[in-house]
Amino acid sequence: MCKVSVIINCHNGEEFLKDTLESLKEQTFKDYELIFWDNCSTDSSARIAKTFDDRLRYFYGEKMIPLGAARNKAVEQTKGKYISFLDSDDLWDREKLEKQVDELDQDASVGMVFTNFKRLNMLSGETDVFDKKPIYRKLTFEQLVGNYSFCLSSFMIRREALEGLNHVFHDEFKYAEEFELFSRIAYNWKTIYLPKVLVTY
């Protein structure tokens, strides 16, 4: 069993997928599997995904389904102690997994860890750090819900925090499915925020 399951959900993501996968390959933390859930792509996403190494576990959906349901399909295939999400057009800093695993290993009461991120405008090439004045390190439920404006690709979740839920992502949600999930986790578990920029959105 690996330590971390990395999930990529993809539908026709060929434009940026190669760079996304390269940022995963460059991680300093190596004990992970890649769950790649292809939501009926008709472009070259499958071919690009299959260039990854033997940590890849590739799945092709039989029919197009809402993103929340597709994320659930991917979660069902995971084997890792921790679960992290990487959207097919986002990038990770090479220390992203390592720093989050360290946090979860240190405190069993922490259900999830997320990081600061920067936004990259693909047209202009300009970048903007999202959280310029980090305030919190440990977030309460009220702080997370009241200030929710985070990036899915910056989160890592303890498997046990998912196992106690009635459902993971809401099957019918096409947008903000992660907000609903993370809110439920934050209600019962500690949440840690790392202010260092470790993701490019």
C-alpha atoms as a PDB file:
ATOM      1  CA  MET A   1       0.000   0.000   0.000  1.00  0.00           C
ATOM      2  CA  CYS A   2       1.272   3.471  -0.887  1.00  0.00           C
ATOM      3  CA  LYS A   3       1.227   6.454   1.437  1.00  0.00           C
ATOM      4  CA  VAL A   4      -0.591   8.888  -0.860  1.00  0.00           C
ATOM      5  CA  SER A   5      -3.196   8.461  -3.572  1.00  0.00           C
ATOM      6  CA  VAL A   6      -3.102  11.313  -6.083  1.00  0.00           C
ATOM      7  CA  ILE A   7      -6.334  11.742  -8.046  1.00  0.00           C
ATOM      8  CA  ILE A   8      -6.584  13.389 -11.450  1.00  0.00           C
ATOM      9  CA  ASN A   9     -10.058  13.677 -12.924  1.00  0.00           C
ATOM     10  CA  CYS A  10      -9.929  14.595 -16.579  1.00  0.00           C
ATOM     11  CA  HIS A  11     -12.227  15.385 -19.486  1.00  0.00           C
ATOM     12  CA  ASN A  12     -10.446  16.515 -22.653  1.00  0.00           C
ATOM     13  CA  GLY A  13      -7.532  17.979 -20.731  1.00  0.00           C
ATOM     14  CA  GLU A  14      -4.795  17.517 -23.338  1.00  0.00           C
ATOM     15  CA  GLU A  15      -3.794  21.197 -23.469  1.00  0.00           C
ATOM     16  CA  PHE A  16      -2.107  21.300 -20.048  1.00  0.00           C
ATOM     17  CA  LEU A  17      -2.023  17.659 -18.957  1.00  0.00           C
ATOM     18  CA  LYS A  18       1.595  16.992 -19.877  1.00  0.00           C
ATOM     19  CA  ASP A  19       2.799  19.855 -17.669  1.00  0.00           C
ATOM     20  CA  THR A  20       0.513  18.729 -14.840  1.00  0.00           C
ATOM     21  CA  LEU A  21       1.910  15.208 -14.917  1.00  0.00           C
ATOM     22  CA  GLU A  22       5.470  16.516 -15.072  1.00  0.00           C
ATOM     23  CA  SER A  23       4.889  18.510 -11.874  1.00  0.00           C
ATOM     24  CA  LEU A  24       3.754  15.284 -10.224  1.00  0.00           C
ATOM     25  CA  LYS A  25       6.785  13.329 -11.432  1.00  0.00           C
ATOM     26  CA  GLU A  26       9.076  15.973  -9.948  1.00  0.00           C
ATOM     27  CA  GLN A  27       7.739  15.588  -6.409  1.00  0.00           C
ATOM     28  CA  THR A  28      10.370  15.044  -3.715  1.00  0.00           C
ATOM     29  CA  PHE A  29       7.932  12.613  -2.047  1.00  0.00           C
ATOM     30  CA  LYS A  30       7.764   9.423  -4.131  1.00  0.00           C
ATOM     31  CA  ASP A  31       5.504   6.998  -2.244  1.00  0.00           C
ATOM     32  CA  TYR A  32       2.293   7.647  -4.164  1.00  0.00           C
ATOM     33  CA  GLU A  33      -0.036   6.148  -6.731  1.00  0.00           C
ATOM     34  CA  LEU A  34      -1.781   8.113  -9.473  1.00  0.00           C
ATOM     35  CA  ILE A  35      -5.474   7.428  -9.955  1.00  0.00           C
ATOM     36  CA  PHE A  36      -6.372   8.873 -13.344  1.00  0.00           C
ATOM     37  CA  TRP A  37     -10.117   8.938 -13.970  1.00  0.00           C
ATOM     38  CA  ASP A  38     -10.845   9.759 -17.604  1.00  0.00           C
ATOM     39  CA  ASN A  39     -14.400  11.097 -17.853  1.00  0.00           C
ATOM     40  CA  CYS A  40     -15.023  10.122 -21.493  1.00  0.00           C
ATOM     41  CA  SER A  41     -12.279  12.237 -23.072  1.00  0.00           C
ATOM     42  CA  THR A  42     -12.235  12.293 -26.861  1.00  0.00           C
ATOM     43  CA  ASP A  43      -8.888  14.059 -27.234  1.00  0.00           C
ATOM     44  CA  SER A  44      -5.379  12.738 -26.553  1.00  0.00           C
ATOM     45  CA  SER A  45      -5.709  12.803 -22.746  1.00  0.00           C
ATOM     46  CA  ALA A  46      -5.543   9.000 -22.486  1.00  0.00           C
ATOM     47  CA  ARG A  47      -2.375   8.780 -24.567  1.00  0.00           C
ATOM     48  CA  ILE A  48      -0.693  11.514 -22.532  1.00  0.00           C
ATOM     49  CA  ALA A  49      -1.739   9.959 -19.211  1.00  0.00           C
ATOM     50  CA  LYS A  50      -0.356   6.568 -20.182  1.00  0.00           C
ATOM     51  CA  THR A  51       3.127   8.009 -20.656  1.00  0.00           C
ATOM     52  CA  PHE A  52       3.338   8.193 -16.846  1.00  0.00           C
ATOM     53  CA  ASP A  53       5.288   5.527 -14.948  1.00  0.00           C
ATOM     54  CA  ASP A  54       4.058   2.331 -13.272  1.00  0.00           C
ATOM     55  CA  ARG A  55       2.444   4.270 -10.435  1.00  0.00           C
ATOM     56  CA  LEU A  56      -0.380   5.143 -12.835  1.00  0.00           C
ATOM     57  CA  ARG A  57      -3.746   3.393 -12.501  1.00  0.00           C
ATOM     58  CA  TYR A  58      -5.843   4.536 -15.453  1.00  0.00           C
ATOM     59  CA  PHE A  59      -9.652   4.286 -15.566  1.00  0.00           C
ATOM     60  CA  TYR A  60     -12.000   5.257 -18.399  1.00  0.00           C
ATOM     61  CA  GLY A  61     -15.595   6.070 -17.531  1.00  0.00           C
ATOM     62  CA  GLU A  62     -18.255   4.277 -19.540  1.00  0.00           C
ATOM     63  CA  LYS A  63     -20.342   7.436 -19.818  1.00  0.00           C
ATOM     64  CA  MET A  64     -19.995  11.130 -19.064  1.00  0.00           C
ATOM     65  CA  ILE A  65     -21.061  11.874 -15.477  1.00  0.00           C
ATOM     66  CA  PRO A  66     -21.103  15.008 -13.249  1.00  0.00           C
ATOM     67  CA  LEU A  67     -17.755  15.971 -11.777  1.00  0.00           C
ATOM     68  CA  GLY A  68     -18.791  15.125  -8.210  1.00  0.00           C
ATOM     69  CA  ALA A  69     -19.732  11.591  -9.275  1.00  0.00           C
ATOM     70  CA  ALA A  70     -16.517  11.231 -11.303  1.00  0.00           C
ATOM     71  CA  ARG A  71     -14.436  12.275  -8.294  1.00  0.00           C
ATOM     72  CA  ASN A  72     -16.226   9.635  -6.215  1.00  0.00           C
ATOM     73  CA  LYS A  73     -15.387   6.970  -8.786  1.00  0.00           C
ATOM     74  CA  ALA A  74     -11.736   7.920  -8.477  1.00  0.00           C
ATOM     75  CA  VAL A  75     -11.805   7.980  -4.664  1.00  0.00           C
ATOM     76  CA  GLU A  76     -13.223   4.437  -4.666  1.00  0.00           C
ATOM     77  CA  GLN A  77     -10.062   3.227  -6.407  1.00  0.00           C
ATOM     78  CA  THR A  78      -7.593   4.757  -3.944  1.00  0.00           C
ATOM     79  CA  LYS A  79      -5.378   2.704  -1.640  1.00  0.00           C
ATOM     80  CA  GLY A  80      -3.327   5.402   0.075  1.00  0.00           C
ATOM     81  CA  LYS A  81      -3.448   6.552   3.684  1.00  0.00           C
ATOM     82  CA  TYR A  82      -3.792  10.121   2.404  1.00  0.00           C
ATOM     83  CA  ILE A  83      -5.641  11.403  -0.659  1.00  0.00           C
ATOM     84  CA  SER A  84      -4.678  14.425  -2.722  1.00  0.00           C
ATOM     85  CA  PHE A  85      -6.328  15.993  -5.761  1.00  0.00           C
ATOM     86  CA  LEU A  86      -4.597  17.476  -8.799  1.00  0.00           C
ATOM     87  CA  ASP A  87      -6.741  19.029 -11.504  1.00  0.00           C
ATOM     88  CA  SER A  88      -5.518  18.355 -15.027  1.00  0.00           C
ATOM     89  CA  ASP A  89      -4.604  22.000 -15.658  1.00  0.00           C
ATOM     90  CA  ASP A  90      -2.886  22.770 -12.336  1.00  0.00           C
ATOM     91  CA  LEU A  91       0.754  22.437 -11.258  1.00  0.00           C
ATOM     92  CA  TRP A  92       2.427  21.407  -8.004  1.00  0.00           C
ATOM     93  CA  ASP A  93       5.621  22.700  -6.443  1.00  0.00           C
ATOM     94  CA  ARG A  94       8.031  19.801  -6.050  1.00  0.00           C
ATOM     95  CA  GLU A  95       7.738  19.830  -2.217  1.00  0.00           C
ATOM     96  CA  LYS A  96       3.935  19.913  -2.095  1.00  0.00           C
ATOM     97  CA  LEU A  97       3.316  16.270  -1.164  1.00  0.00           C
ATOM     98  CA  GLU A  98       6.275  16.063   1.200  1.00  0.00           C
ATOM     99  CA  LYS A  99       5.207  19.039   3.311  1.00  0.00           C
ATOM    100  CA  GLN A 100       1.590  17.897   3.568  1.00  0.00           C
ATOM    101  CA  VAL A 101       2.488  14.329   4.494  1.00  0.00           C
ATOM    102  CA  ASP A 102       4.734  15.686   7.256  1.00  0.00           C
ATOM    103  CA  GLU A 103       1.801  17.623   8.724  1.00  0.00           C
ATOM    104  CA  LEU A 104      -0.599  14.678   8.668  1.00  0.00           C
ATOM    105  CA  ASP A 105       2.014  12.310  10.099  1.00  0.00           C
ATOM    106  CA  GLN A 106       2.617  14.617  13.069  1.00  0.00           C
ATOM    107  CA  ASP A 107      -0.973  14.908  14.303  1.00  0.00           C
ATOM    108  CA  ALA A 108      -3.632  12.201  13.908  1.00  0.00           C
ATOM    109  CA  SER A 109      -6.383  14.686  14.720  1.00  0.00           C
ATOM    110  CA  VAL A 110      -5.711  16.677  11.535  1.00  0.00           C
ATOM    111  CA  GLY A 111      -8.169  15.663   8.822  1.00  0.00           C
ATOM    112  CA  MET A 112      -6.848  17.762   5.984  1.00  0.00           C
ATOM    113  CA  VAL A 113      -4.055  20.111   4.981  1.00  0.00           C
ATOM    114  CA  PHE A 114      -4.134  22.709   2.246  1.00  0.00           C
ATOM    115  CA  THR A 115      -1.681  25.300   0.950  1.00  0.00           C
ATOM    116  CA  ASN A 116      -1.506  28.744  -0.519  1.00  0.00           C
ATOM    117  CA  PHE A 117      -1.472  28.961  -4.324  1.00  0.00           C
ATOM    118  CA  LYS A 118      -0.800  31.327  -7.159  1.00  0.00           C
ATOM    119  CA  ARG A 119      -3.023  32.001 -10.140  1.00  0.00           C
ATOM    120  CA  LEU A 120      -1.459  31.939 -13.600  1.00  0.00           C
ATOM    121  CA  ASN A 121      -3.133  33.814 -16.444  1.00  0.00           C
ATOM    122  CA  MET A 122      -2.364  31.692 -19.498  1.00  0.00           C
ATOM    123  CA  LEU A 123      -3.094  34.598 -21.876  1.00  0.00           C
ATOM    124  CA  SER A 124      -0.894  37.248 -20.261  1.00  0.00           C
ATOM    125  CA  GLY A 125       1.579  34.972 -18.441  1.00  0.00           C
ATOM    126  CA  GLU A 126       1.080  37.017 -15.274  1.00  0.00           C
ATOM    127  CA  THR A 127       0.937  35.332 -11.861  1.00  0.00           C
ATOM    128  CA  ASP A 128      -0.755  36.449  -8.674  1.00  0.00           C
ATOM    129  CA  VAL A 129      -0.266  34.948  -5.207  1.00  0.00           C
ATOM    130  CA  PHE A 130      -3.724  34.303  -3.820  1.00  0.00           C
ATOM    131  CA  ASP A 131      -3.228  34.786  -0.069  1.00  0.00           C
ATOM    132  CA  LYS A 132      -0.787  37.666   0.341  1.00  0.00           C
ATOM    133  CA  LYS A 133      -1.196  38.041   4.119  1.00  0.00           C
ATOM    134  CA  PRO A 134      -1.818  34.609   5.636  1.00  0.00           C
ATOM    135  CA  ILE A 135      -3.576  34.895   8.988  1.00  0.00           C
ATOM    136  CA  TYR A 136      -4.388  31.373  10.083  1.00  0.00           C
ATOM    137  CA  ARG A 137      -2.432  28.177  10.399  1.00  0.00           C
ATOM    138  CA  LYS A 138      -5.143  26.132  12.112  1.00  0.00           C
ATOM    139  CA  LEU A 139      -8.635  26.815  10.805  1.00  0.00           C
ATOM    140  CA  THR A 140     -11.868  26.262  12.645  1.00  0.00           C
ATOM    141  CA  PHE A 141     -14.985  25.145  10.805  1.00  0.00           C
ATOM    142  CA  GLU A 142     -16.308  28.715  10.890  1.00  0.00           C
ATOM    143  CA  GLN A 143     -13.093  30.162   9.477  1.00  0.00           C
ATOM    144  CA  LEU A 144     -12.954  27.697   6.593  1.00  0.00           C
ATOM    145  CA  VAL A 145     -16.607  28.074   5.628  1.00  0.00           C
ATOM    146  CA  GLY A 146     -16.687  31.819   6.147  1.00  0.00           C
ATOM    147  CA  ASN A 147     -13.596  32.480   4.023  1.00  0.00           C
ATOM    148  CA  TYR A 148     -13.802  29.684   1.493  1.00  0.00           C
ATOM    149  CA  SER A 149     -11.848  30.592  -1.613  1.00  0.00           C
ATOM    150  CA  PHE A 150      -9.321  27.805  -1.856  1.00  0.00           C
ATOM    151  CA  CYS A 151      -7.927  25.622  -4.618  1.00  0.00           C
ATOM    152  CA  LEU A 152      -8.856  21.917  -4.762  1.00  0.00           C
ATOM    153  CA  SER A 153      -5.381  20.972  -5.989  1.00  0.00           C
ATOM    154  CA  SER A 154      -3.886  22.347  -2.778  1.00  0.00           C
ATOM    155  CA  PHE A 155      -5.664  19.857  -0.470  1.00  0.00           C
ATOM    156  CA  MET A 156      -4.594  16.557   1.061  1.00  0.00           C
ATOM    157  CA  ILE A 157      -7.093  14.547   3.122  1.00  0.00           C
ATOM    158  CA  ARG A 158      -6.666  11.782   5.670  1.00  0.00           C
ATOM    159  CA  ARG A 159      -8.550   8.666   4.500  1.00  0.00           C
ATOM    160  CA  GLU A 160     -10.144   8.238   7.938  1.00  0.00           C
ATOM    161  CA  ALA A 161     -11.767  11.658   7.560  1.00  0.00           C
ATOM    162  CA  LEU A 162     -13.618  10.355   4.493  1.00  0.00           C
ATOM    163  CA  GLU A 163     -14.561   6.988   5.940  1.00  0.00           C
ATOM    164  CA  GLY A 164     -16.823   8.542   8.561  1.00  0.00           C
ATOM    165  CA  LEU A 165     -18.952  10.392   6.011  1.00  0.00           C
ATOM    166  CA  ASN A 166     -22.273   9.324   4.500  1.00  0.00           C
ATOM    167  CA  HIS A 167     -20.904  10.284   1.092  1.00  0.00           C
ATOM    168  CA  VAL A 168     -17.733  11.857  -0.273  1.00  0.00           C
ATOM    169  CA  PHE A 169     -18.539  14.278  -3.118  1.00  0.00           C
ATOM    170  CA  HIS A 170     -22.177  14.975  -3.892  1.00  0.00           C
ATOM    171  CA  ASP A 171     -22.936  12.879  -6.988  1.00  0.00           C
ATOM    172  CA  GLU A 172     -24.981  15.517  -8.771  1.00  0.00           C
ATOM    173  CA  PHE A 173     -22.722  18.518  -8.197  1.00  0.00           C
ATOM    174  CA  LYS A 174     -20.948  19.929 -11.259  1.00  0.00           C
ATOM    175  CA  TYR A 175     -19.424  22.883  -9.375  1.00  0.00           C
ATOM    176  CA  ALA A 176     -18.228  23.583  -5.818  1.00  0.00           C
ATOM    177  CA  GLU A 177     -18.486  19.896  -4.922  1.00  0.00           C
ATOM    178  CA  GLU A 178     -15.239  20.248  -2.989  1.00  0.00           C
ATOM    179  CA  PHE A 179     -16.585  23.109  -0.851  1.00  0.00           C
ATOM    180  CA  GLU A 180     -19.425  20.935   0.411  1.00  0.00           C
ATOM    181  CA  LEU A 181     -17.052  18.043   1.163  1.00  0.00           C
ATOM    182  CA  PHE A 182     -14.360  20.095   2.890  1.00  0.00           C
ATOM    183  CA  SER A 183     -16.958  21.843   5.032  1.00  0.00           C
ATOM    184  CA  ARG A 184     -18.173  18.504   6.384  1.00  0.00           C
ATOM    185  CA  ILE A 185     -14.621  17.351   7.110  1.00  0.00           C
ATOM    186  CA  ALA A 186     -13.746  20.618   8.856  1.00  0.00           C
ATOM    187  CA  TYR A 187     -16.738  20.224  11.156  1.00  0.00           C
ATOM    188  CA  ASN A 188     -15.233  17.125  12.789  1.00  0.00           C
ATOM    189  CA  TRP A 189     -11.494  17.348  12.120  1.00  0.00           C
ATOM    190  CA  LYS A 190      -8.683  19.856  12.485  1.00  0.00           C
ATOM    191  CA  THR A 191      -7.659  21.711   9.324  1.00  0.00           C
ATOM    192  CA  ILE A 192      -4.115  22.959   8.745  1.00  0.00           C
ATOM    193  CA  TYR A 193      -3.183  25.712   6.305  1.00  0.00           C
ATOM    194  CA  LEU A 194       0.340  26.059   4.925  1.00  0.00           C
ATOM    195  CA  PRO A 195       0.882  29.653   3.717  1.00  0.00           C
ATOM    196  CA  LYS A 196       3.725  28.717   1.368  1.00  0.00           C
ATOM    197  CA  VAL A 197       2.728  28.757  -2.316  1.00  0.00           C
ATOM    198  CA  LEU A 198       2.882  25.121  -3.414  1.00  0.00           C
ATOM    199  CA  VAL A 199       0.289  25.077  -6.215  1.00  0.00           C
ATOM    200  CA  THR A 200      -0.217  26.950  -9.473  1.00  0.00           C
ATOM    201  CA  TYR A 201      -3.856  27.289 -10.504  1.00  0.00           C
END
